[in-house]
Amino acid sequence: MTYQETLEYLYANLPMFQRIGAAAYQKDLTNTRTLCGIAGNPQHQFKSVHVAGTNGKGSTSHMLASVLQSAGYTTGLYTSPHLKSFTERIKVNGQEIEEQFVVSFVERMKPHIETIKPSFFEITVAMAFEYFAFKKVDVAVIETGLGGRLDSTNVIQPIVSVITNIGYDHMDLLGNTLEKIAQEKAGIIKSNTPVVVSETQSELERVFQRAAEANNAQLTFADSKVQCTKMADGRIACLNGNTEFKINLPLPGIYQLKNLPGVMATVDTLRALGFNISDEQLIHGLENVINQTGLKGRWQQLGSNPLIICDTGHNVDGIRIIMEQIKTYSYQKLYIVWGMVTDKERKKIFELLPKDAHYFFCQAKIPRALQAEQLANEAAAFNLEGEVTSDVNEAIAEAKKRATPNDFIFIGGSTFTVAEIDGL
């Protein structure tokens, strides 16, 4: 098979959460363990850092990988979903997995795929682990896909676990309270393995304390150890004990102030485990995270005059922070190119969106995407006015036509809306 034929085979034959939603979710680790067993259990052949959470786990994973790269470690990075290319999911030192490795892995696994019938995510996880073992990485940063306890990535034995912000998302699968969601995320906590929780949420402290105690795992609430604030010059000042860092972070989203303490506390934990990471390497990794890991779609500026920003935030907490950040800008008129998927809390999200913006309602080209016409009709009930331009890039082009140099165009609502932006 060619690379393109291989991808078409995977998309056609394996249920994929980002396309069809909950029907693709496997509620146990049997398939992943079986696939990894066939591949020789590569997940046990390298050290790993496991990252879970509702918001911030992608940024946190990229920042940690970049810091480890800057410290001279051969570093694997597994994240999902991809924005443009499947190979974005699996990287070593920022370089995407070779297409030929994808082809050979799938060809070798094809008879087992036919028998086991795994999900798209399960086969991708096994592929990533085999690739990291093949590349002999020193350490791999592994981002969970959904949840933690039953997530396919949870077959690893990490050297440290990291849990970022907990918010309402995927409640149909993870539970309808923050406590239930946190319990699922806490499922990545392993026996005698340190765990870092990025953000203290008072109602959830006991969830993590209980899970850590049950596993004899050293627990650190990062924001009680590291405090980060935005400076007037745009840099971020982080106070870690008696040491202050001033960082030109190329990720301007204000939500990174919640992620950075977790990254820094995890680096401290890695140092305690024997990793040699200097303060200079820490700062270099953070300041070069985009160049070194290819992170996209996090408060990313796509144009000036008018200012054009996109962000992949897609749940209530993520969108609340995005709207707070939009308010910090000066502009004449706000245009929002907006698309969503069907399984989000749309009413709560509509309540957060500004009523004085002009909306272009669109939809990504995936089965989970909410029809643009339905999105516009539902939004109208919340006095959100605009027009339907279903294609994402046509909607952006129309917004650019209308906007003056002093206006602001924001593109978001879904990871998959951002993924379809031409030239991202």
Protein backbone atom coordinates (compact mmCIF):
# COMPACT_ATOMS: atom_id res chain seq x y z
CA MET A 1 0.00 0.00 0.00
CA THR A 2 1.04 3.59 -0.54
CA TYR A 3 0.93 6.02 2.38
CA GLN A 4 -2.33 7.51 1.12
CA GLU A 5 -3.86 4.05 0.68
CA THR A 6 -2.75 3.17 4.21
CA LEU A 7 -4.49 6.22 5.68
CA GLU A 8 -7.63 5.49 3.67
CA TYR A 9 -7.59 1.92 5.00
CA LEU A 10 -7.31 3.16 8.59
CA TYR A 11 -10.04 5.78 8.19
CA ALA A 12 -12.36 3.36 6.39
CA ASN A 13 -11.93 0.37 8.69
CA LEU A 14 -11.27 1.73 12.19
CA PRO A 15 -13.77 3.76 14.23
CA MET A 16 -12.31 7.21 14.84
CA PHE A 17 -13.51 9.37 17.75
CA GLN A 18 -12.72 12.69 16.09
CA ARG A 19 -14.95 11.72 13.17
CA ILE A 20 -17.84 9.82 14.74
CA GLY A 21 -17.63 10.53 18.48
CA ALA A 22 -18.56 8.20 21.33
CA ALA A 23 -19.18 5.16 19.11
CA ALA A 24 -15.40 4.92 18.62
CA TYR A 25 -14.58 4.98 22.35
CA GLN A 26 -13.31 1.68 23.75
CA LYS A 27 -14.02 1.31 27.46
CA ASP A 28 -11.15 -0.98 28.35
CA LEU A 29 -7.46 -1.46 27.54
CA THR A 30 -7.69 -5.01 26.15
CA ASN A 31 -7.17 -4.13 22.49
CA THR A 32 -4.24 -1.82 23.20
CA ARG A 33 -2.55 -4.41 25.40
CA THR A 34 -3.06 -7.06 22.71
CA LEU A 35 -1.66 -4.83 19.96
CA CYS A 36 1.31 -3.83 22.10
CA GLY A 37 1.92 -7.49 22.94
CA ILE A 38 2.04 -8.36 19.24
CA ALA A 39 4.54 -5.52 18.75
CA GLY A 40 6.74 -6.81 21.57
CA ASN A 41 5.46 -4.46 24.29
CA PRO A 42 7.39 -1.41 23.11
CA GLN A 43 5.72 0.76 25.78
CA HIS A 44 8.10 -0.77 28.34
CA GLN A 45 11.23 0.02 26.31
CA PHE A 46 11.47 3.76 27.03
CA LYS A 47 10.84 6.18 29.87
CA SER A 48 7.66 8.21 29.65
CA VAL A 49 5.80 11.19 31.07
CA HIS A 50 2.01 10.77 31.01
CA VAL A 51 -0.21 13.88 30.66
CA ALA A 52 -3.98 13.98 31.21
CA GLY A 53 -6.51 16.76 31.81
CA THR A 54 -9.44 18.56 30.24
CA ASN A 55 -7.73 21.74 29.07
CA GLY A 56 -4.02 22.39 28.68
CA LYS A 57 -2.73 18.85 28.22
CA GLY A 58 -1.64 19.47 24.63
CA SER A 59 0.25 22.68 25.41
CA THR A 60 1.76 21.08 28.52
CA SER A 61 2.91 18.04 26.56
CA HIS A 62 4.54 20.18 23.87
CA MET A 63 6.28 22.42 26.43
CA LEU A 64 7.65 19.44 28.36
CA ALA A 65 8.88 17.80 25.16
CA SER A 66 10.56 21.02 24.06
CA VAL A 67 12.33 21.44 27.43
CA LEU A 68 13.59 17.85 27.29
CA GLN A 69 14.82 18.42 23.72
CA SER A 70 16.65 21.57 24.81
CA ALA A 71 18.29 19.53 27.58
CA GLY A 72 19.71 17.18 24.95
CA TYR A 73 17.37 14.21 25.41
CA THR A 74 16.02 12.32 22.41
CA THR A 75 12.35 12.98 23.06
CA GLY A 76 9.23 11.34 21.72
CA LEU A 77 5.91 13.20 21.68
CA TYR A 78 2.50 11.61 21.19
CA THR A 79 -0.53 13.91 20.93
CA SER A 80 -3.97 13.90 19.36
CA PRO A 81 -5.92 14.78 17.34
CA HIS A 82 -3.83 16.01 14.44
CA LEU A 83 -4.68 19.27 12.73
CA LYS A 84 -3.31 18.81 9.22
CA SER A 85 -1.42 15.57 8.87
CA PHE A 86 -1.72 12.20 10.61
CA THR A 87 2.05 12.19 11.17
CA GLU A 88 1.72 15.19 13.55
CA ARG A 89 0.57 12.75 16.24
CA ILE A 90 3.93 10.99 16.56
CA LYS A 91 7.18 12.95 16.71
CA VAL A 92 10.76 12.50 17.85
CA ASN A 93 12.65 15.72 18.56
CA GLY A 94 9.96 17.60 16.68
CA GLN A 95 10.28 15.48 13.52
CA GLU A 96 7.10 13.71 12.44
CA ILE A 97 7.03 9.95 12.00
CA GLU A 98 8.11 8.85 8.52
CA GLU A 99 5.26 7.90 6.20
CA GLN A 100 7.04 4.65 5.34
CA PHE A 101 7.01 3.59 9.00
CA VAL A 102 3.24 4.14 9.08
CA VAL A 103 2.84 2.01 5.95
CA SER A 104 5.04 -0.85 7.16
CA PHE A 105 3.45 -0.90 10.63
CA VAL A 106 -0.08 -1.07 9.23
CA GLU A 107 0.84 -3.72 6.65
CA ARG A 108 2.39 -5.88 9.38
CA MET A 109 -0.56 -5.34 11.71
CA LYS A 110 -3.27 -5.73 9.08
CA PRO A 111 -4.12 -9.39 9.85
CA HIS A 112 -4.38 -8.52 13.55
CA ILE A 113 -6.46 -5.43 12.81
CA GLU A 114 -8.93 -7.62 10.93
CA THR A 115 -9.17 -9.97 13.94
CA ILE A 116 -9.01 -7.56 16.88
CA LYS A 117 -11.00 -4.74 15.23
CA PRO A 118 -9.37 -1.97 17.27
CA SER A 119 -10.28 1.71 17.14
CA PHE A 120 -8.24 4.19 15.12
CA PHE A 121 -6.81 5.58 18.36
CA GLU A 122 -5.79 2.17 19.67
CA ILE A 123 -3.78 1.31 16.55
CA THR A 124 -2.22 4.79 16.57
CA VAL A 125 -1.10 4.40 20.20
CA ALA A 126 0.54 1.02 19.46
CA MET A 127 2.23 2.56 16.40
CA ALA A 128 3.59 5.46 18.46
CA PHE A 129 5.00 3.16 21.12
CA GLU A 130 6.71 0.93 18.55
CA TYR A 131 8.16 3.99 16.83
CA PHE A 132 9.55 5.44 20.06
CA ALA A 133 11.15 2.08 20.90
CA PHE A 134 12.55 1.84 17.35
CA LYS A 135 14.02 5.35 17.66
CA LYS A 136 15.45 4.50 21.10
CA VAL A 137 14.12 7.69 22.64
CA ASP A 138 15.44 8.67 26.05
CA VAL A 139 11.95 9.71 27.13
CA ALA A 140 8.52 10.16 25.53
CA VAL A 141 5.80 12.62 26.54
CA ILE A 142 2.46 10.85 26.08
CA GLU A 143 -0.79 12.84 26.01
CA THR A 144 -3.98 10.96 26.80
CA GLY A 145 -6.73 11.07 24.22
CA LEU A 146 -9.83 11.06 26.41
CA GLY A 147 -10.07 10.61 30.16
CA GLY A 148 -7.22 8.64 31.67
CA ARG A 149 -8.18 5.44 33.47
CA LEU A 150 -9.50 3.73 30.34
CA ASP A 151 -7.54 5.74 27.78
CA SER A 152 -5.50 3.60 25.39
CA THR A 153 -2.29 5.33 26.44
CA ASN A 154 -2.76 4.08 30.01
CA VAL A 155 -0.77 0.90 29.36
CA ILE A 156 2.50 2.73 30.06
CA GLN A 157 4.38 2.84 33.36
CA PRO A 158 5.50 6.48 33.39
CA ILE A 159 8.19 8.00 35.57
CA VAL A 160 5.87 10.93 36.34
CA SER A 161 2.18 11.62 35.72
CA VAL A 162 0.83 15.12 35.04
CA ILE A 163 -2.80 16.23 35.33
CA THR A 164 -3.82 19.65 34.05
CA ASN A 165 -7.09 21.57 34.51
CA ILE A 166 -10.30 19.58 35.04
CA GLY A 167 -13.43 20.89 33.34
CA TYR A 168 -16.69 19.73 31.85
CA ASP A 169 -16.09 17.84 28.61
CA HIS A 170 -17.08 14.41 27.25
CA MET A 171 -19.55 14.01 30.13
CA ASP A 172 -21.37 11.23 28.25
CA LEU A 173 -18.23 9.12 28.65
CA LEU A 174 -16.44 10.46 31.73
CA GLY A 175 -19.28 11.42 34.08
CA ASN A 176 -21.49 14.45 34.63
CA THR A 177 -19.70 15.97 37.64
CA LEU A 178 -16.21 17.43 37.97
CA GLU A 179 -15.46 14.87 40.66
CA LYS A 180 -16.30 11.93 38.37
CA ILE A 181 -14.26 13.46 35.53
CA ALA A 182 -11.31 14.03 37.90
CA GLN A 183 -11.51 10.42 39.07
CA GLU A 184 -11.18 9.26 35.47
CA LYS A 185 -8.19 11.56 34.88
CA ALA A 186 -6.65 10.38 38.17
CA GLY A 187 -6.64 6.89 36.67
CA ILE A 188 -3.20 7.64 35.20
CA ILE A 189 -1.69 7.83 38.72
CA LYS A 190 0.54 4.79 39.15
CA SER A 191 2.05 2.99 42.11
CA ASN A 192 5.10 4.74 43.62
CA THR A 193 5.14 7.22 40.74
CA PRO A 194 5.13 10.98 41.40
CA VAL A 195 2.16 12.96 40.11
CA VAL A 196 1.94 16.69 39.40
CA VAL A 197 -1.46 18.43 39.34
CA SER A 198 -1.10 21.75 37.49
CA GLU A 199 -4.02 23.65 38.99
CA THR A 200 -5.51 23.37 42.47
CA GLN A 201 -9.30 23.15 42.25
CA SER A 202 -10.51 23.09 45.84
CA GLU A 203 -13.47 20.80 45.20
CA LEU A 204 -11.17 18.23 43.56
CA GLU A 205 -8.15 18.22 45.89
CA ARG A 206 -9.39 15.17 47.80
CA VAL A 207 -9.93 13.20 44.59
CA PHE A 208 -6.24 13.49 43.73
CA GLN A 209 -5.09 13.09 47.32
CA ARG A 210 -7.04 9.83 47.69
CA ALA A 211 -5.71 8.46 44.39
CA ALA A 212 -2.15 9.41 45.29
CA GLU A 213 -2.42 7.89 48.78
CA ALA A 214 -3.86 4.66 47.36
CA ASN A 215 -0.87 4.38 45.02
CA ASN A 216 1.79 5.65 47.44
CA ALA A 217 2.45 8.36 44.85
CA GLN A 218 4.12 11.64 45.78
CA LEU A 219 1.61 14.40 44.93
CA THR A 220 2.51 18.00 44.02
CA PHE A 221 -0.05 20.74 43.43
CA ALA A 222 2.08 22.83 41.09
CA ASP A 223 0.40 26.20 41.58
CA SER A 224 1.15 26.08 45.31
CA LYS A 225 4.84 25.83 44.40
CA VAL A 226 5.14 27.97 41.25
CA GLN A 227 3.35 31.29 40.64
CA CYS A 228 3.23 32.76 37.13
CA THR A 229 2.05 36.24 36.09
CA LYS A 230 2.00 38.19 32.83
CA MET A 231 4.34 41.19 32.78
CA ALA A 232 3.64 44.53 31.10
CA ASP A 233 6.21 43.74 28.37
CA GLY A 234 4.39 40.50 27.47
CA ARG A 235 6.87 38.17 29.16
CA ILE A 236 5.76 35.74 31.85
CA ALA A 237 7.35 35.91 35.28
CA CYS A 238 7.39 32.61 37.16
CA LEU A 239 8.50 32.37 40.77
CA ASN A 240 9.60 28.84 41.70
CA GLY A 241 10.76 28.90 45.31
CA ASN A 242 13.41 31.60 45.43
CA THR A 243 14.12 31.49 41.70
CA GLU A 244 12.38 33.86 39.30
CA PHE A 245 12.22 33.14 35.59
CA LYS A 246 11.24 35.66 32.92
CA ILE A 247 10.07 33.88 29.81
CA ASN A 248 9.23 35.07 26.31
CA LEU A 249 6.68 32.32 25.77
CA PRO A 250 5.56 32.23 22.11
CA LEU A 251 2.14 30.97 23.25
CA PRO A 252 0.27 34.17 24.18
CA GLY A 253 -2.93 32.54 25.46
CA ILE A 254 -3.57 33.68 29.03
CA TYR A 255 -4.50 30.09 29.87
CA GLN A 256 -0.79 29.22 29.65
CA LEU A 257 -0.46 30.85 33.09
CA LYS A 258 -2.36 27.78 34.37
CA ASN A 259 -0.15 25.34 32.42
CA LEU A 260 3.31 26.74 33.19
CA PRO A 261 3.35 25.87 36.92
CA GLY A 262 2.62 22.25 35.99
CA VAL A 263 5.44 22.23 33.44
CA MET A 264 7.93 23.73 35.91
CA ALA A 265 6.94 21.44 38.77
CA THR A 266 7.25 18.44 36.42
CA VAL A 267 10.73 19.57 35.37
CA ASP A 268 11.67 19.75 39.06
CA THR A 269 10.35 16.21 39.51
CA LEU A 270 12.36 15.00 36.49
CA ARG A 271 15.47 16.62 37.96
CA ALA A 272 14.89 14.74 41.20
CA LEU A 273 14.69 11.55 39.12
CA GLY A 274 18.13 12.21 37.64
CA PHE A 275 17.42 14.26 34.51
CA ASN A 276 19.98 17.01 33.91
CA ILE A 277 17.95 20.09 32.94
CA SER A 278 19.52 23.48 33.60
CA ASP A 279 17.50 26.65 34.11
CA GLU A 280 18.88 27.91 30.78
CA GLN A 281 17.67 24.75 29.02
CA LEU A 282 14.27 25.09 30.70
CA ILE A 283 13.86 28.66 29.43
CA HIS A 284 15.21 27.76 25.97
CA GLY A 285 12.71 24.91 25.67
CA LEU A 286 9.77 27.09 26.64
CA GLU A 287 10.79 29.99 24.41
CA ASN A 288 11.29 27.68 21.41
CA VAL A 289 8.32 25.35 21.89
CA ILE A 290 6.69 26.20 18.55
CA ASN A 291 9.90 25.80 16.52
CA GLN A 292 10.96 22.63 18.32
CA THR A 293 7.64 20.77 18.46
CA GLY A 294 5.45 22.33 15.76
CA LEU A 295 2.63 23.25 18.15
CA LYS A 296 -0.24 24.96 16.32
CA GLY A 297 -3.62 26.45 17.02
CA ARG A 298 -3.08 27.84 20.53
CA TRP A 299 -4.01 31.53 20.34
CA GLN A 300 -2.17 31.58 17.03
CA GLN A 301 -1.98 34.83 15.09
CA LEU A 302 -2.66 34.33 11.38
CA GLY A 303 -2.76 37.95 10.22
CA SER A 304 -2.55 41.64 11.09
CA ASN A 305 -4.72 44.60 10.04
CA PRO A 306 -7.21 43.09 10.64
CA LEU A 307 -5.89 40.99 13.50
CA ILE A 308 -6.73 37.31 12.85
CA ILE A 309 -6.43 34.79 15.70
CA CYS A 310 -7.42 31.12 15.92
CA ASP A 311 -7.64 28.84 18.95
CA THR A 312 -8.61 25.20 19.37
CA GLY A 313 -10.43 25.72 22.71
CA HIS A 314 -13.72 23.86 22.43
CA ASN A 315 -15.36 23.33 25.83
CA VAL A 316 -16.97 25.67 28.34
CA ASP A 317 -13.85 26.39 30.38
CA GLY A 318 -11.62 26.79 27.36
CA ILE A 319 -14.00 29.12 25.58
CA ARG A 320 -14.60 31.20 28.73
CA ILE A 321 -10.87 31.99 28.88
CA ILE A 322 -10.73 32.71 25.13
CA MET A 323 -13.55 35.25 25.46
CA GLU A 324 -11.77 36.86 28.42
CA GLN A 325 -8.65 37.20 26.28
CA ILE A 326 -10.55 38.75 23.36
CA LYS A 327 -11.75 41.46 25.76
CA THR A 328 -8.13 42.49 26.40
CA TYR A 329 -7.75 43.67 22.77
CA SER A 330 -8.83 46.97 21.24
CA TYR A 331 -10.72 46.76 17.95
CA GLN A 332 -13.60 48.37 16.10
CA LYS A 333 -15.67 45.32 15.15
CA LEU A 334 -15.39 41.67 16.07
CA TYR A 335 -16.02 38.96 13.47
CA ILE A 336 -16.18 35.36 14.66
CA VAL A 337 -15.87 32.35 12.34
CA TRP A 338 -17.49 29.62 14.43
CA GLY A 339 -18.00 25.88 14.03
CA MET A 340 -18.77 23.19 16.62
CA VAL A 341 -19.19 19.45 16.96
CA THR A 342 -22.43 17.86 18.10
CA ASP A 343 -21.40 16.59 21.54
CA LYS A 344 -20.59 19.88 23.31
CA GLU A 345 -22.62 21.89 25.83
CA ARG A 346 -23.77 24.37 23.25
CA LYS A 347 -26.20 26.38 25.40
CA LYS A 348 -23.57 27.05 28.05
CA ILE A 349 -21.08 28.00 25.33
CA PHE A 350 -23.54 30.33 23.55
CA GLU A 351 -24.03 32.17 26.85
CA LEU A 352 -20.32 33.00 26.86
CA LEU A 353 -20.12 34.35 23.30
CA PRO A 354 -20.25 38.13 22.71
CA LYS A 355 -23.58 39.43 21.34
CA ASP A 356 -22.00 42.41 19.59
CA ALA A 357 -19.91 40.23 17.23
CA HIS A 358 -20.89 39.27 13.69
CA TYR A 359 -20.79 35.49 13.21
CA PHE A 360 -19.98 33.32 10.23
CA PHE A 361 -21.36 29.91 11.12
CA CYS A 362 -19.49 27.06 9.44
CA GLN A 363 -18.83 23.34 9.80
CA ALA A 364 -15.79 21.11 9.53
CA LYS A 365 -15.81 18.25 7.04
CA ILE A 366 -16.25 15.47 9.61
CA PRO A 367 -19.39 13.49 10.55
CA ARG A 368 -19.32 14.90 14.12
CA ALA A 369 -19.59 18.50 12.91
CA LEU A 370 -22.81 20.30 13.76
CA GLN A 371 -24.63 21.47 10.64
CA ALA A 372 -23.91 25.16 10.13
CA GLU A 373 -27.61 25.96 9.64
CA GLN A 374 -28.53 24.28 12.93
CA LEU A 375 -25.66 26.05 14.68
CA ALA A 376 -26.90 29.42 13.38
CA ASN A 377 -30.49 28.69 14.42
CA GLU A 378 -29.51 27.64 17.94
CA ALA A 379 -27.18 30.63 18.32
CA ALA A 380 -29.92 33.03 17.23
CA ALA A 381 -31.89 32.10 20.36
CA PHE A 382 -29.02 33.66 22.33
CA ASN A 383 -29.00 36.83 20.20
CA LEU A 384 -25.89 35.79 18.32
CA GLU A 385 -26.36 37.13 14.82
CA GLY A 386 -24.61 36.42 11.58
CA GLU A 387 -24.79 34.25 8.51
CA VAL A 388 -24.20 30.70 7.37
CA THR A 389 -21.11 30.09 5.26
CA SER A 390 -20.61 26.37 5.71
CA ASP A 391 -17.06 26.02 4.36
CA VAL A 392 -14.49 27.15 6.94
CA ASN A 393 -12.17 28.88 4.48
CA GLU A 394 -15.00 30.56 2.59
CA ALA A 395 -16.22 31.91 5.93
CA ILE A 396 -12.75 33.25 6.71
CA ALA A 397 -12.50 34.83 3.24
CA GLU A 398 -15.88 36.52 3.72
CA ALA A 399 -14.83 37.83 7.15
CA LYS A 400 -11.65 39.25 5.63
CA LYS A 401 -13.69 41.00 2.92
CA ARG A 402 -15.90 42.71 5.49
CA ALA A 403 -13.25 43.59 8.03
CA THR A 404 -11.35 46.88 8.16
CA PRO A 405 -7.71 47.07 9.33
CA ASN A 406 -8.88 47.96 12.85
CA ASP A 407 -11.15 44.92 13.23
CA PHE A 408 -10.59 41.53 14.89
CA ILE A 409 -11.37 38.14 13.29
CA PHE A 410 -11.47 35.14 15.61
CA ILE A 411 -11.70 31.55 14.30
CA GLY A 412 -12.66 28.72 16.63
CA GLY A 413 -15.32 26.69 18.42
CA SER A 414 -13.74 23.35 17.58
CA THR A 415 -10.32 21.81 17.01
CA PHE A 416 -11.65 20.65 13.63
CA THR A 417 -12.70 24.15 12.56
CA VAL A 418 -9.14 25.32 13.18
CA ALA A 419 -7.74 22.21 11.47
CA GLU A 420 -9.33 23.20 8.16
CA ILE A 421 -7.76 26.67 7.97
CA ASP A 422 -5.73 26.89 4.77
CA GLY A 423 -2.06 27.56 5.40
CA LEU A 424 -2.16 26.86 9.14
